[in-house]
All heavy atoms as atom14 arrays in JSON, in Angstrom:
{
  "sequence": "ETLAALAFVQIIKPGHPFIFSNWPFIADMRSGAMTG",
  "atom14_mask": [
    [1, 1, 1, 1, 1, 1, 1, 1, 1, 0, 0, 0, 0, 0],
    [1, 1, 1, 1, 1, 1, 1, 0, 0, 0, 0, 0, 0, 0],
    [1, 1, 1, 1, 1, 1, 1, 1, 0, 0, 0, 0, 0, 0],
    [1, 1, 1, 1, 1, 0, 0, 0, 0, 0, 0, 0, 0, 0],
    [1, 1, 1, 1, 1, 0, 0, 0, 0, 0, 0, 0, 0, 0],
    [1, 1, 1, 1, 1, 1, 1, 1, 0, 0, 0, 0, 0, 0],
    [1, 1, 1, 1, 1, 0, 0, 0, 0, 0, 0, 0, 0, 0],
    [1, 1, 1, 1, 1, 1, 1, 1, 1, 1, 1, 0, 0, 0],
    [1, 1, 1, 1, 1, 1, 1, 0, 0, 0, 0, 0, 0, 0],
    [1, 1, 1, 1, 1, 1, 1, 1, 1, 0, 0, 0, 0, 0],
    [1, 1, 1, 1, 1, 1, 1, 1, 0, 0, 0, 0, 0, 0],
    [1, 1, 1, 1, 1, 1, 1, 1, 0, 0, 0, 0, 0, 0],
    [1, 1, 1, 1, 1, 1, 1, 1, 1, 0, 0, 0, 0, 0],
    [1, 1, 1, 1, 1, 1, 1, 0, 0, 0, 0, 0, 0, 0],
    [1, 1, 1, 1, 0, 0, 0, 0, 0, 0, 0, 0, 0, 0],
    [1, 1, 1, 1, 1, 1, 1, 1, 1, 1, 0, 0, 0, 0],
    [1, 1, 1, 1, 1, 1, 1, 0, 0, 0, 0, 0, 0, 0],
    [1, 1, 1, 1, 1, 1, 1, 1, 1, 1, 1, 0, 0, 0],
    [1, 1, 1, 1, 1, 1, 1, 1, 0, 0, 0, 0, 0, 0],
    [1, 1, 1, 1, 1, 1, 1, 1, 1, 1, 1, 0, 0, 0],
    [1, 1, 1, 1, 1, 1, 0, 0, 0, 0, 0, 0, 0, 0],
    [1, 1, 1, 1, 1, 1, 1, 1, 0, 0, 0, 0, 0, 0],
    [1, 1, 1, 1, 1, 1, 1, 1, 1, 1, 1, 1, 1, 1],
    [1, 1, 1, 1, 1, 1, 1, 0, 0, 0, 0, 0, 0, 0],
    [1, 1, 1, 1, 1, 1, 1, 1, 1, 1, 1, 0, 0, 0],
    [1, 1, 1, 1, 1, 1, 1, 1, 0, 0, 0, 0, 0, 0],
    [1, 1, 1, 1, 1, 0, 0, 0, 0, 0, 0, 0, 0, 0],
    [1, 1, 1, 1, 1, 1, 1, 1, 0, 0, 0, 0, 0, 0],
    [1, 1, 1, 1, 1, 1, 1, 1, 0, 0, 0, 0, 0, 0],
    [1, 1, 1, 1, 1, 1, 1, 1, 1, 1, 1, 0, 0, 0],
    [1, 1, 1, 1, 1, 1, 0, 0, 0, 0, 0, 0, 0, 0],
    [1, 1, 1, 1, 0, 0, 0, 0, 0, 0, 0, 0, 0, 0],
    [1, 1, 1, 1, 1, 0, 0, 0, 0, 0, 0, 0, 0, 0],
    [1, 1, 1, 1, 1, 1, 1, 1, 0, 0, 0, 0, 0, 0],
    [1, 1, 1, 1, 1, 1, 1, 0, 0, 0, 0, 0, 0, 0],
    [1, 1, 1, 1, 0, 0, 0, 0, 0, 0, 0, 0, 0, 0]
  ],
  "atom14_positions": [
    [[0.83, -1.21, 0.0], [0.0, 0.0, 0.0], [0.86, 1.26, 0.0], [0.53, 2.25, -0.68], [-0.93, -0.03, 1.21], [-2.02, -1.09, 1.09], [-2.77, -1.35, 2.38], [-2.22, -1.05, 3.47], [-3.9, -1.88, 2.31], [0.0, 0.0, 0.0], [0.0, 0.0, 0.0], [0.0, 0.0, 0.0], [0.0, 0.0, 0.0], [0.0, 0.0, 0.0]],
    [[1.97, 1.24, 0.74], [2.83, 2.42, 0.76], [3.57, 2.57, -0.56], [3.82, 3.69, -1.02], [3.81, 2.36, 1.94], [3.13, 1.91, 3.11], [4.4, 3.73, 2.23], [0.0, 0.0, 0.0], [0.0, 0.0, 0.0], [0.0, 0.0, 0.0], [0.0, 0.0, 0.0], [0.0, 0.0, 0.0], [0.0, 0.0, 0.0], [0.0, 0.0, 0.0]],
    [[3.9, 1.45, -1.2], [4.45, 1.51, -2.55], [3.44, 2.12, -3.52], [3.8, 2.87, -4.43], [4.84, 0.11, -3.03], [6.13, -0.48, -2.44], [6.25, -1.95, -2.81], [7.36, 0.29, -2.91], [0.0, 0.0, 0.0], [0.0, 0.0, 0.0], [0.0, 0.0, 0.0], [0.0, 0.0, 0.0], [0.0, 0.0, 0.0], [0.0, 0.0, 0.0]],
    [[2.16, 1.81, -3.32], [1.12, 2.41, -4.18], [1.04, 3.92, -3.96], [0.8, 4.67, -4.91], [-0.23, 1.75, -3.88], [0.0, 0.0, 0.0], [0.0, 0.0, 0.0], [0.0, 0.0, 0.0], [0.0, 0.0, 0.0], [0.0, 0.0, 0.0], [0.0, 0.0, 0.0], [0.0, 0.0, 0.0], [0.0, 0.0, 0.0], [0.0, 0.0, 0.0]],
    [[1.25, 4.36, -2.72], [1.29, 5.8, -2.45], [2.5, 6.43, -3.13], [2.43, 7.53, -3.69], [1.31, 6.06, -0.95], [0.0, 0.0, 0.0], [0.0, 0.0, 0.0], [0.0, 0.0, 0.0], [0.0, 0.0, 0.0], [0.0, 0.0, 0.0], [0.0, 0.0, 0.0], [0.0, 0.0, 0.0], [0.0, 0.0, 0.0], [0.0, 0.0, 0.0]],
    [[3.64, 5.74, -3.05], [4.84, 6.22, -3.74], [4.57, 6.33, -5.24], [4.95, 7.34, -5.88], [6.0, 5.26, -3.47], [7.35, 5.54, -4.11], [8.49, 4.97, -3.23], [7.48, 4.96, -5.51], [0.0, 0.0, 0.0], [0.0, 0.0, 0.0], [0.0, 0.0, 0.0], [0.0, 0.0, 0.0], [0.0, 0.0, 0.0], [0.0, 0.0, 0.0]],
    [[3.92, 5.32, -5.8], [3.61, 5.35, -7.23], [2.73, 6.55, -7.57], [2.94, 7.22, -8.6], [2.91, 4.05, -7.64], [0.0, 0.0, 0.0], [0.0, 0.0, 0.0], [0.0, 0.0, 0.0], [0.0, 0.0, 0.0], [0.0, 0.0, 0.0], [0.0, 0.0, 0.0], [0.0, 0.0, 0.0], [0.0, 0.0, 0.0], [0.0, 0.0, 0.0]],
    [[1.75, 6.83, -6.73], [0.85, 7.96, -6.97], [1.65, 9.26, -7.09], [1.49, 10.03, -8.04], [-0.17, 8.06, -5.83], [-1.22, 9.11, -6.04], [-2.39, 8.8, -6.71], [-1.05, 10.41, -5.59], [-3.37, 9.76, -6.93], [-2.01, 11.38, -5.79], [-3.18, 11.06, -6.46], [0.0, 0.0, 0.0], [0.0, 0.0, 0.0], [0.0, 0.0, 0.0]],
    [[2.55, 9.51, -6.13], [3.31, 10.76, -6.12], [4.32, 10.8, -7.26], [4.45, 11.81, -7.97], [4.02, 10.95, -4.76], [4.98, 12.14, -4.8], [2.99, 11.12, -3.65], [0.0, 0.0, 0.0], [0.0, 0.0, 0.0], [0.0, 0.0, 0.0], [0.0, 0.0, 0.0], [0.0, 0.0, 0.0], [0.0, 0.0, 0.0], [0.0, 0.0, 0.0]],
    [[5.05, 9.7, -7.49], [6.11, 9.73, -8.48], [5.6, 9.72, -9.91], [6.28, 10.21, -10.83], [7.08, 8.58, -8.24], [7.76, 8.62, -6.88], [8.44, 9.96, -6.58], [9.09, 10.54, -7.45], [8.29, 10.43, -5.35], [0.0, 0.0, 0.0], [0.0, 0.0, 0.0], [0.0, 0.0, 0.0], [0.0, 0.0, 0.0], [0.0, 0.0, 0.0]],
    [[4.42, 9.2, -10.15], [3.81, 9.3, -11.48], [3.36, 10.73, -11.74], [3.53, 11.27, -12.84], [2.65, 8.3, -11.64], [3.21, 6.88, -11.81], [1.75, 8.65, -12.83], [2.16, 5.78, -11.84], [0.0, 0.0, 0.0], [0.0, 0.0, 0.0], [0.0, 0.0, 0.0], [0.0, 0.0, 0.0], [0.0, 0.0, 0.0], [0.0, 0.0, 0.0]],
    [[2.8, 11.36, -10.72], [2.35, 12.75, -10.88], [3.54, 13.68, -11.1], [3.53, 14.53, -12.0], [1.55, 13.19, -9.64], [0.24, 12.42, -9.57], [1.28, 14.69, -9.67], [-0.46, 12.56, -8.25], [0.0, 0.0, 0.0], [0.0, 0.0, 0.0], [0.0, 0.0, 0.0], [0.0, 0.0, 0.0], [0.0, 0.0, 0.0], [0.0, 0.0, 0.0]],
    [[4.6, 13.5, -10.31], [5.77, 14.37, -10.42], [7.02, 13.57, -10.06], [7.37, 13.46, -8.88], [5.64, 15.59, -9.51], [6.78, 16.59, -9.67], [6.61, 17.77, -8.72], [7.79, 18.73, -8.82], [7.66, 19.85, -7.83], [0.0, 0.0, 0.0], [0.0, 0.0, 0.0], [0.0, 0.0, 0.0], [0.0, 0.0, 0.0], [0.0, 0.0, 0.0]],
    [[7.68, 12.99, -11.04], [8.87, 12.19, -10.76], [9.92, 12.99, -9.98], [10.21, 14.14, -10.3], [9.39, 11.82, -12.15], [8.18, 11.88, -13.03], [7.34, 13.01, -12.48], [0.0, 0.0, 0.0], [0.0, 0.0, 0.0], [0.0, 0.0, 0.0], [0.0, 0.0, 0.0], [0.0, 0.0, 0.0], [0.0, 0.0, 0.0], [0.0, 0.0, 0.0]],
    [[10.46, 12.36, -8.93], [11.5, 12.99, -8.13], [10.99, 13.9, -7.03], [11.79, 14.54, -6.33], [0.0, 0.0, 0.0], [0.0, 0.0, 0.0], [0.0, 0.0, 0.0], [0.0, 0.0, 0.0], [0.0, 0.0, 0.0], [0.0, 0.0, 0.0], [0.0, 0.0, 0.0], [0.0, 0.0, 0.0], [0.0, 0.0, 0.0], [0.0, 0.0, 0.0]],
    [[9.67, 13.95, -6.82], [9.13, 14.82, -5.77], [9.46, 14.25, -4.4], [9.43, 13.04, -4.18], [7.62, 14.95, -5.92], [7.02, 16.0, -5.02], [7.12, 17.35, -5.28], [6.36, 15.89, -3.84], [6.52, 18.02, -4.32], [6.06, 17.16, -3.42], [0.0, 0.0, 0.0], [0.0, 0.0, 0.0], [0.0, 0.0, 0.0], [0.0, 0.0, 0.0]],
    [[9.8, 15.12, -3.42], [10.14, 14.64, -2.07], [9.01, 13.82, -1.46], [7.86, 14.28, -1.37], [10.37, 15.94, -1.29], [10.73, 16.95, -2.32], [9.95, 16.58, -3.54], [0.0, 0.0, 0.0], [0.0, 0.0, 0.0], [0.0, 0.0, 0.0], [0.0, 0.0, 0.0], [0.0, 0.0, 0.0], [0.0, 0.0, 0.0], [0.0, 0.0, 0.0]],
    [[9.35, 12.61, -1.05], [8.35, 11.66, -0.58], [8.92, 10.89, 0.61], [10.06, 10.42, 0.57], [8.0, 10.68, -1.7], [7.02, 9.6, -1.31], [5.65, 9.82, -1.37], [7.47, 8.36, -0.88], [4.76, 8.83, -1.01], [6.58, 7.36, -0.53], [5.22, 7.6, -0.58], [0.0, 0.0, 0.0], [0.0, 0.0, 0.0], [0.0, 0.0, 0.0]],
    [[8.1, 10.77, 1.67], [8.49, 10.0, 2.85], [7.63, 8.73, 2.88], [6.4, 8.8, 2.9], [8.31, 10.81, 4.14], [9.17, 12.07, 4.09], [8.68, 9.97, 5.36], [8.8, 13.1, 5.12], [0.0, 0.0, 0.0], [0.0, 0.0, 0.0], [0.0, 0.0, 0.0], [0.0, 0.0, 0.0], [0.0, 0.0, 0.0], [0.0, 0.0, 0.0]],
    [[8.3, 7.6, 2.89], [7.67, 6.29, 2.84], [7.24, 5.92, 4.25], [7.99, 5.3, 5.01], [8.69, 5.28, 2.28], [8.11, 3.97, 1.85], [7.7, 3.77, 0.54], [8.03, 2.91, 2.74], [7.2, 2.53, 0.13], [7.54, 1.67, 2.34], [7.12, 1.49, 1.02], [0.0, 0.0, 0.0], [0.0, 0.0, 0.0], [0.0, 0.0, 0.0]],
    [[6.02, 6.3, 4.62], [5.56, 6.13, 5.99], [4.61, 4.94, 6.1], [3.38, 5.09, 6.09], [4.89, 7.41, 6.5], [5.87, 8.39, 6.79], [0.0, 0.0, 0.0], [0.0, 0.0, 0.0], [0.0, 0.0, 0.0], [0.0, 0.0, 0.0], [0.0, 0.0, 0.0], [0.0, 0.0, 0.0], [0.0, 0.0, 0.0], [0.0, 0.0, 0.0]],
    [[5.22, 3.78, 6.19], [4.47, 2.55, 6.43], [4.38, 2.36, 7.94], [5.37, 2.03, 8.59], [5.19, 1.37, 5.76], [4.51, 0.04, 6.02], [3.42, -0.02, 6.57], [5.17, -1.04, 5.61], [0.0, 0.0, 0.0], [0.0, 0.0, 0.0], [0.0, 0.0, 0.0], [0.0, 0.0, 0.0], [0.0, 0.0, 0.0], [0.0, 0.0, 0.0]],
    [[3.18, 2.56, 8.49], [2.97, 2.47, 9.94], [2.08, 1.27, 10.25], [0.86, 1.42, 10.45], [2.28, 3.72, 10.47], [3.02, 5.01, 10.31], [4.19, 5.22, 9.65], [2.63, 6.28, 10.82], [4.55, 6.54, 9.71], [3.61, 7.21, 10.43], [1.54, 6.71, 11.58], [3.53, 8.56, 10.76], [1.46, 8.05, 11.92], [2.45, 8.97, 11.51]],
    [[2.59, 0.06, 10.29], [1.73, -1.08, 10.64], [1.26, -1.0, 12.08], [2.06, -1.02, 13.01], [2.67, -2.28, 10.41], [4.05, -1.74, 10.49], [3.98, -0.33, 10.03], [0.0, 0.0, 0.0], [0.0, 0.0, 0.0], [0.0, 0.0, 0.0], [0.0, 0.0, 0.0], [0.0, 0.0, 0.0], [0.0, 0.0, 0.0], [0.0, 0.0, 0.0]],
    [[-0.03, -0.87, 12.25], [-0.63, -0.81, 13.57], [-1.11, -2.21, 13.98], [-1.26, -3.1, 13.15], [-1.82, 0.15, 13.59], [-1.43, 1.61, 13.62], [-2.4, 2.6, 13.54], [-0.1, 2.01, 13.72], [-2.05, 3.94, 13.56], [0.25, 3.35, 13.74], [-0.73, 4.31, 13.67], [0.0, 0.0, 0.0], [0.0, 0.0, 0.0], [0.0, 0.0, 0.0]],
    [[-1.38, -2.35, 15.27], [-1.79, -3.64, 15.83], [-3.18, -3.5, 16.45], [-3.44, -2.54, 17.18], [-0.8, -4.12, 16.9], [0.63, -4.16, 16.35], [-1.22, -5.49, 17.44], [0.85, -5.12, 15.21], [0.0, 0.0, 0.0], [0.0, 0.0, 0.0], [0.0, 0.0, 0.0], [0.0, 0.0, 0.0], [0.0, 0.0, 0.0], [0.0, 0.0, 0.0]],
    [[-4.05, -4.45, 16.15], [-5.35, -4.51, 16.81], [-5.27, -5.55, 17.93], [-4.74, -6.65, 17.73], [-6.44, -4.88, 15.83], [0.0, 0.0, 0.0], [0.0, 0.0, 0.0], [0.0, 0.0, 0.0], [0.0, 0.0, 0.0], [0.0, 0.0, 0.0], [0.0, 0.0, 0.0], [0.0, 0.0, 0.0], [0.0, 0.0, 0.0], [0.0, 0.0, 0.0]],
    [[-5.77, -5.2, 19.1], [-5.87, -6.17, 20.18], [-6.92, -7.2, 19.77], [-8.1, -6.88, 19.61], [-6.29, -5.46, 21.48], [-6.22, -6.37, 22.69], [-6.76, -7.5, 22.61], [-5.66, -5.96, 23.72], [0.0, 0.0, 0.0], [0.0, 0.0, 0.0], [0.0, 0.0, 0.0], [0.0, 0.0, 0.0], [0.0, 0.0, 0.0], [0.0, 0.0, 0.0]],
    [[-6.47, -8.43, 19.56], [-7.36, -9.45, 19.02], [-8.55, -9.76, 19.92], [-9.56, -10.32, 19.47], [-6.57, -10.74, 18.76], [-5.44, -10.59, 17.75], [-6.05, -10.17, 16.1], [-4.52, -10.23, 15.16], [0.0, 0.0, 0.0], [0.0, 0.0, 0.0], [0.0, 0.0, 0.0], [0.0, 0.0, 0.0], [0.0, 0.0, 0.0], [0.0, 0.0, 0.0]],
    [[-8.47, -9.38, 21.18], [-9.57, -9.67, 22.09], [-10.73, -8.71, 21.91], [-11.89, -9.06, 22.17], [-9.08, -9.61, 23.54], [-7.98, -10.62, 23.86], [-7.31, -10.31, 25.18], [-6.69, -8.98, 25.19], [-6.03, -8.46, 26.23], [-5.93, -9.17, 27.35], [-5.5, -7.26, 26.14], [0.0, 0.0, 0.0], [0.0, 0.0, 0.0], [0.0, 0.0, 0.0]],
    [[-10.41, -7.48, 21.47], [-11.47, -6.47, 21.36], [-11.58, -5.86, 19.98], [-12.61, -5.26, 19.64], [-11.19, -5.35, 22.38], [-9.99, -4.66, 22.04], [0.0, 0.0, 0.0], [0.0, 0.0, 0.0], [0.0, 0.0, 0.0], [0.0, 0.0, 0.0], [0.0, 0.0, 0.0], [0.0, 0.0, 0.0], [0.0, 0.0, 0.0], [0.0, 0.0, 0.0]],
    [[-10.52, -5.95, 19.18], [-10.5, -5.3, 17.88], [-10.03, -3.87, 17.95], [-9.85, -3.21, 16.91], [0.0, 0.0, 0.0], [0.0, 0.0, 0.0], [0.0, 0.0, 0.0], [0.0, 0.0, 0.0], [0.0, 0.0, 0.0], [0.0, 0.0, 0.0], [0.0, 0.0, 0.0], [0.0, 0.0, 0.0], [0.0, 0.0, 0.0], [0.0, 0.0, 0.0]],
    [[-9.8, -3.34, 19.16], [-9.34, -1.96, 19.32], [-7.85, -1.86, 19.01], [-7.08, -2.8, 19.22], [-9.62, -1.48, 20.74], [0.0, 0.0, 0.0], [0.0, 0.0, 0.0], [0.0, 0.0, 0.0], [0.0, 0.0, 0.0], [0.0, 0.0, 0.0], [0.0, 0.0, 0.0], [0.0, 0.0, 0.0], [0.0, 0.0, 0.0], [0.0, 0.0, 0.0]],
    [[-7.44, -0.69, 18.53], [-6.04, -0.46, 18.23], [-5.23, -0.37, 19.53], [-5.65, 0.25, 20.5], [-5.9, 0.84, 17.43], [-4.47, 1.17, 17.05], [-3.74, 2.35, 18.2], [-2.32, 2.91, 17.29], [0.0, 0.0, 0.0], [0.0, 0.0, 0.0], [0.0, 0.0, 0.0], [0.0, 0.0, 0.0], [0.0, 0.0, 0.0], [0.0, 0.0, 0.0]],
    [[-4.07, -1.04, 19.56], [-3.15, -0.92, 20.68], [-1.85, -0.29, 20.18], [-1.21, -0.8, 19.26], [-2.86, -2.29, 21.33], [-1.74, -2.17, 22.22], [-2.56, -3.37, 20.32], [0.0, 0.0, 0.0], [0.0, 0.0, 0.0], [0.0, 0.0, 0.0], [0.0, 0.0, 0.0], [0.0, 0.0, 0.0], [0.0, 0.0, 0.0], [0.0, 0.0, 0.0]],
    [[-1.48, 0.83, 20.78], [-0.3, 1.55, 20.31], [0.99, 1.15, 20.99], [2.07, 1.33, 20.43], [0.0, 0.0, 0.0], [0.0, 0.0, 0.0], [0.0, 0.0, 0.0], [0.0, 0.0, 0.0], [0.0, 0.0, 0.0], [0.0, 0.0, 0.0], [0.0, 0.0, 0.0], [0.0, 0.0, 0.0], [0.0, 0.0, 0.0], [0.0, 0.0, 0.0]]
  ]
}
């Protein structure tokens, strides 16, 4: 998904400053709520 975001920016403007922010979050399997 983050590669797809990179593709979006670099197709629009090749070489544009881009930060690859892949933030995999975790869900507490007991409740489904996000645990940070």
